[in-house]
């Protein structure tokens, strides 16, 4: 499975959280579509089937999420 770059994942998580805080799911058709698109992209990017699992998986893959993540070690 292809793995999304941590920067892409962080951006998607941030977008989804902003849309959720703004209650986009209850907003205009455009806002709902954007939220659905971000949720779908998160699922595809993390290999999950629902947005809640995708958010957990994305956060787990971000640098600093776990001690053995070598992306937080200095070169």
N, C-alpha and C. Protein backbone atom coordinates (compact mmCIF):
# COMPACT_ATOMS: atom_id res chain seq x y z
N UNK A 1 0.84 -1.18 0.00
CA UNK A 1 0.00 0.00 0.00
C UNK A 1 0.88 1.24 0.00
N UNK A 2 0.53 2.20 -0.82
CA UNK A 2 1.23 3.47 -0.80
C UNK A 2 0.93 4.20 0.50
N UNK A 3 1.94 4.88 1.01
CA UNK A 3 1.76 5.61 2.25
C UNK A 3 1.82 7.10 1.95
N UNK A 4 0.84 7.83 2.41
CA UNK A 4 0.81 9.27 2.21
C UNK A 4 1.91 9.92 3.06
N UNK A 5 2.48 10.97 2.55
CA UNK A 5 3.51 11.71 3.27
C UNK A 5 2.88 12.31 4.53
N UNK A 6 3.62 12.34 5.65
CA UNK A 6 3.07 12.90 6.89
C UNK A 6 2.52 14.32 6.73
N UNK A 7 3.12 15.13 5.88
CA UNK A 7 2.61 16.49 5.67
C UNK A 7 1.23 16.46 5.03
N UNK A 8 1.03 15.55 4.11
CA UNK A 8 -0.28 15.41 3.47
C UNK A 8 -1.31 14.95 4.50
N UNK A 9 -0.94 13.96 5.31
CA UNK A 9 -1.85 13.47 6.34
C UNK A 9 -2.20 14.57 7.33
N UNK A 10 -1.21 15.31 7.78
CA UNK A 10 -1.46 16.39 8.74
C UNK A 10 -2.43 17.41 8.14
N UNK A 11 -2.22 17.75 6.87
CA UNK A 11 -3.09 18.71 6.20
C UNK A 11 -4.52 18.19 6.12
N UNK A 12 -4.69 16.93 5.77
CA UNK A 12 -6.02 16.35 5.68
C UNK A 12 -6.72 16.31 7.03
N UNK A 13 -5.99 15.93 8.07
CA UNK A 13 -6.56 15.89 9.42
C UNK A 13 -6.99 17.30 9.83
N UNK A 14 -6.14 18.28 9.58
CA UNK A 14 -6.48 19.66 9.94
C UNK A 14 -7.71 20.15 9.18
N UNK A 15 -7.77 19.85 7.88
CA UNK A 15 -8.93 20.25 7.09
C UNK A 15 -10.21 19.62 7.63
N UNK A 16 -10.14 18.33 7.93
CA UNK A 16 -11.33 17.64 8.42
C UNK A 16 -11.77 18.21 9.76
N UNK A 17 -10.81 18.46 10.65
CA UNK A 17 -11.15 19.02 11.97
C UNK A 17 -11.79 20.40 11.85
N UNK A 18 -11.27 21.24 10.95
CA UNK A 18 -11.85 22.57 10.75
C UNK A 18 -13.28 22.44 10.22
N UNK A 19 -13.47 21.58 9.24
CA UNK A 19 -14.81 21.38 8.68
C UNK A 19 -15.78 20.86 9.74
N UNK A 20 -15.29 19.98 10.59
CA UNK A 20 -16.15 19.43 11.65
C UNK A 20 -16.52 20.51 12.66
N UNK A 21 -15.55 21.32 13.06
CA UNK A 21 -15.81 22.41 14.01
C UNK A 21 -16.81 23.40 13.43
N UNK A 22 -16.72 23.63 12.13
CA UNK A 22 -17.64 24.56 11.46
C UNK A 22 -18.99 23.92 11.11
N UNK A 23 -19.16 22.65 11.51
CA UNK A 23 -20.40 21.91 11.25
C UNK A 23 -20.74 21.88 9.76
N UNK A 24 -19.72 21.60 8.96
CA UNK A 24 -19.90 21.56 7.51
C UNK A 24 -20.92 20.51 7.10
N UNK A 25 -21.05 19.45 7.91
CA UNK A 25 -22.02 18.41 7.58
C UNK A 25 -23.46 18.92 7.61
N UNK A 26 -23.68 20.06 8.27
CA UNK A 26 -25.00 20.68 8.31
C UNK A 26 -25.06 21.95 7.47
N UNK A 27 -24.01 22.21 6.72
CA UNK A 27 -23.91 23.44 5.96
C UNK A 27 -24.42 23.30 4.54
N UNK A 28 -23.86 24.11 3.68
CA UNK A 28 -24.26 24.12 2.27
C UNK A 28 -23.85 22.81 1.60
N UNK A 29 -24.39 22.60 0.43
CA UNK A 29 -24.03 21.41 -0.35
C UNK A 29 -22.53 21.39 -0.62
N UNK A 30 -21.96 22.54 -0.92
CA UNK A 30 -20.53 22.64 -1.19
C UNK A 30 -19.71 22.26 0.05
N UNK A 31 -20.13 22.73 1.23
CA UNK A 31 -19.41 22.42 2.47
C UNK A 31 -19.51 20.93 2.79
N UNK A 32 -20.70 20.36 2.61
CA UNK A 32 -20.87 18.92 2.86
C UNK A 32 -20.02 18.10 1.89
N UNK A 33 -19.99 18.52 0.63
CA UNK A 33 -19.20 17.81 -0.37
C UNK A 33 -17.72 17.87 -0.03
N UNK A 34 -17.26 19.04 0.40
CA UNK A 34 -15.85 19.19 0.77
C UNK A 34 -15.50 18.28 1.94
N UNK A 35 -16.38 18.21 2.93
CA UNK A 35 -16.14 17.33 4.08
C UNK A 35 -16.11 15.87 3.64
N UNK A 36 -17.04 15.49 2.77
CA UNK A 36 -17.05 14.12 2.25
C UNK A 36 -15.78 13.82 1.46
N UNK A 37 -15.33 14.78 0.67
CA UNK A 37 -14.10 14.59 -0.12
C UNK A 37 -12.88 14.41 0.77
N UNK A 38 -12.78 15.23 1.80
CA UNK A 38 -11.63 15.12 2.72
C UNK A 38 -11.70 13.79 3.46
N UNK A 39 -12.88 13.40 3.91
CA UNK A 39 -13.04 12.13 4.62
C UNK A 39 -12.65 10.97 3.70
N UNK A 40 -13.11 11.00 2.46
CA UNK A 40 -12.77 9.94 1.50
C UNK A 40 -11.26 9.89 1.27
N UNK A 41 -10.64 11.04 1.09
CA UNK A 41 -9.20 11.09 0.85
C UNK A 41 -8.43 10.57 2.06
N UNK A 42 -8.90 10.89 3.25
CA UNK A 42 -8.27 10.34 4.46
C UNK A 42 -8.37 8.81 4.48
N UNK A 43 -9.53 8.30 4.15
CA UNK A 43 -9.71 6.85 4.14
C UNK A 43 -8.79 6.17 3.12
N UNK A 44 -8.74 6.72 1.92
CA UNK A 44 -7.88 6.16 0.88
C UNK A 44 -6.41 6.27 1.29
N UNK A 45 -6.03 7.39 1.87
CA UNK A 45 -4.64 7.63 2.24
C UNK A 45 -4.17 6.74 3.38
N UNK A 46 -5.11 6.26 4.19
CA UNK A 46 -4.74 5.44 5.34
C UNK A 46 -5.16 3.98 5.20
N UNK A 47 -5.86 3.65 4.11
CA UNK A 47 -6.30 2.28 3.90
C UNK A 47 -7.38 1.84 4.86
N UNK A 48 -8.24 2.77 5.26
CA UNK A 48 -9.31 2.46 6.19
C UNK A 48 -10.67 2.64 5.51
N UNK A 49 -11.71 2.18 6.20
CA UNK A 49 -13.04 2.20 5.60
C UNK A 49 -13.96 3.29 6.15
N UNK A 50 -13.57 3.92 7.27
CA UNK A 50 -14.42 4.98 7.81
C UNK A 50 -13.53 6.10 8.34
N UNK A 51 -14.11 7.28 8.42
CA UNK A 51 -13.32 8.47 8.74
C UNK A 51 -12.75 8.43 10.16
N UNK A 52 -13.46 7.85 11.11
CA UNK A 52 -12.92 7.78 12.47
C UNK A 52 -11.65 6.93 12.51
N UNK A 53 -11.68 5.79 11.84
CA UNK A 53 -10.48 4.95 11.76
C UNK A 53 -9.37 5.65 10.99
N UNK A 54 -9.75 6.39 9.95
CA UNK A 54 -8.77 7.12 9.15
C UNK A 54 -8.06 8.19 9.98
N UNK A 55 -8.82 8.88 10.81
CA UNK A 55 -8.21 9.91 11.66
C UNK A 55 -7.23 9.30 12.66
N UNK A 56 -7.60 8.17 13.26
CA UNK A 56 -6.70 7.49 14.18
C UNK A 56 -5.44 7.04 13.46
N UNK A 57 -5.61 6.41 12.31
CA UNK A 57 -4.47 5.92 11.54
C UNK A 57 -3.57 7.07 11.09
N UNK A 58 -4.16 8.15 10.62
CA UNK A 58 -3.37 9.30 10.16
C UNK A 58 -2.57 9.89 11.31
N UNK A 59 -3.20 10.08 12.45
CA UNK A 59 -2.49 10.64 13.61
C UNK A 59 -1.37 9.72 14.07
N UNK A 60 -1.60 8.43 13.96
CA UNK A 60 -0.59 7.45 14.37
C UNK A 60 0.65 7.52 13.46
N UNK A 61 0.45 7.91 12.21
CA UNK A 61 1.56 7.98 11.26
C UNK A 61 2.30 9.31 11.26
N UNK A 62 1.81 10.27 12.01
CA UNK A 62 2.47 11.58 12.04
C UNK A 62 3.74 11.50 12.89
N UNK A 63 4.75 12.28 12.53
CA UNK A 63 6.00 12.29 13.31
C UNK A 63 5.71 12.61 14.78
N UNK A 64 6.38 11.85 15.65
CA UNK A 64 6.22 12.07 17.08
C UNK A 64 5.06 11.30 17.68
N UNK A 65 4.33 10.54 16.87
CA UNK A 65 3.16 9.82 17.36
C UNK A 65 3.54 8.63 18.22
N UNK A 66 4.74 8.08 18.01
CA UNK A 66 5.19 6.94 18.79
C UNK A 66 6.71 7.00 18.92
N UNK A 67 7.25 6.47 19.98
CA UNK A 67 8.70 6.59 20.22
C UNK A 67 9.58 6.02 19.12
N UNK A 68 9.16 4.95 18.45
CA UNK A 68 10.00 4.33 17.45
C UNK A 68 9.90 4.97 16.08
N UNK A 69 9.16 6.04 15.96
CA UNK A 69 9.00 6.75 14.68
C UNK A 69 10.31 7.48 14.38
N UNK A 70 11.07 6.97 13.40
CA UNK A 70 12.38 7.54 13.12
C UNK A 70 12.32 8.91 12.45
N UNK A 71 11.14 9.37 12.09
CA UNK A 71 11.05 10.68 11.46
C UNK A 71 11.24 11.81 12.45
N UNK A 72 11.26 11.50 13.75
CA UNK A 72 11.48 12.56 14.74
C UNK A 72 12.93 12.61 15.19
N UNK A 73 13.73 11.66 14.72
CA UNK A 73 15.14 11.64 15.10
C UNK A 73 15.93 12.62 14.22
N UNK A 74 16.88 13.30 14.81
CA UNK A 74 17.68 14.23 14.02
C UNK A 74 18.67 13.46 13.17
N UNK A 75 18.98 14.01 12.04
CA UNK A 75 19.87 13.34 11.08
C UNK A 75 21.32 13.47 11.49
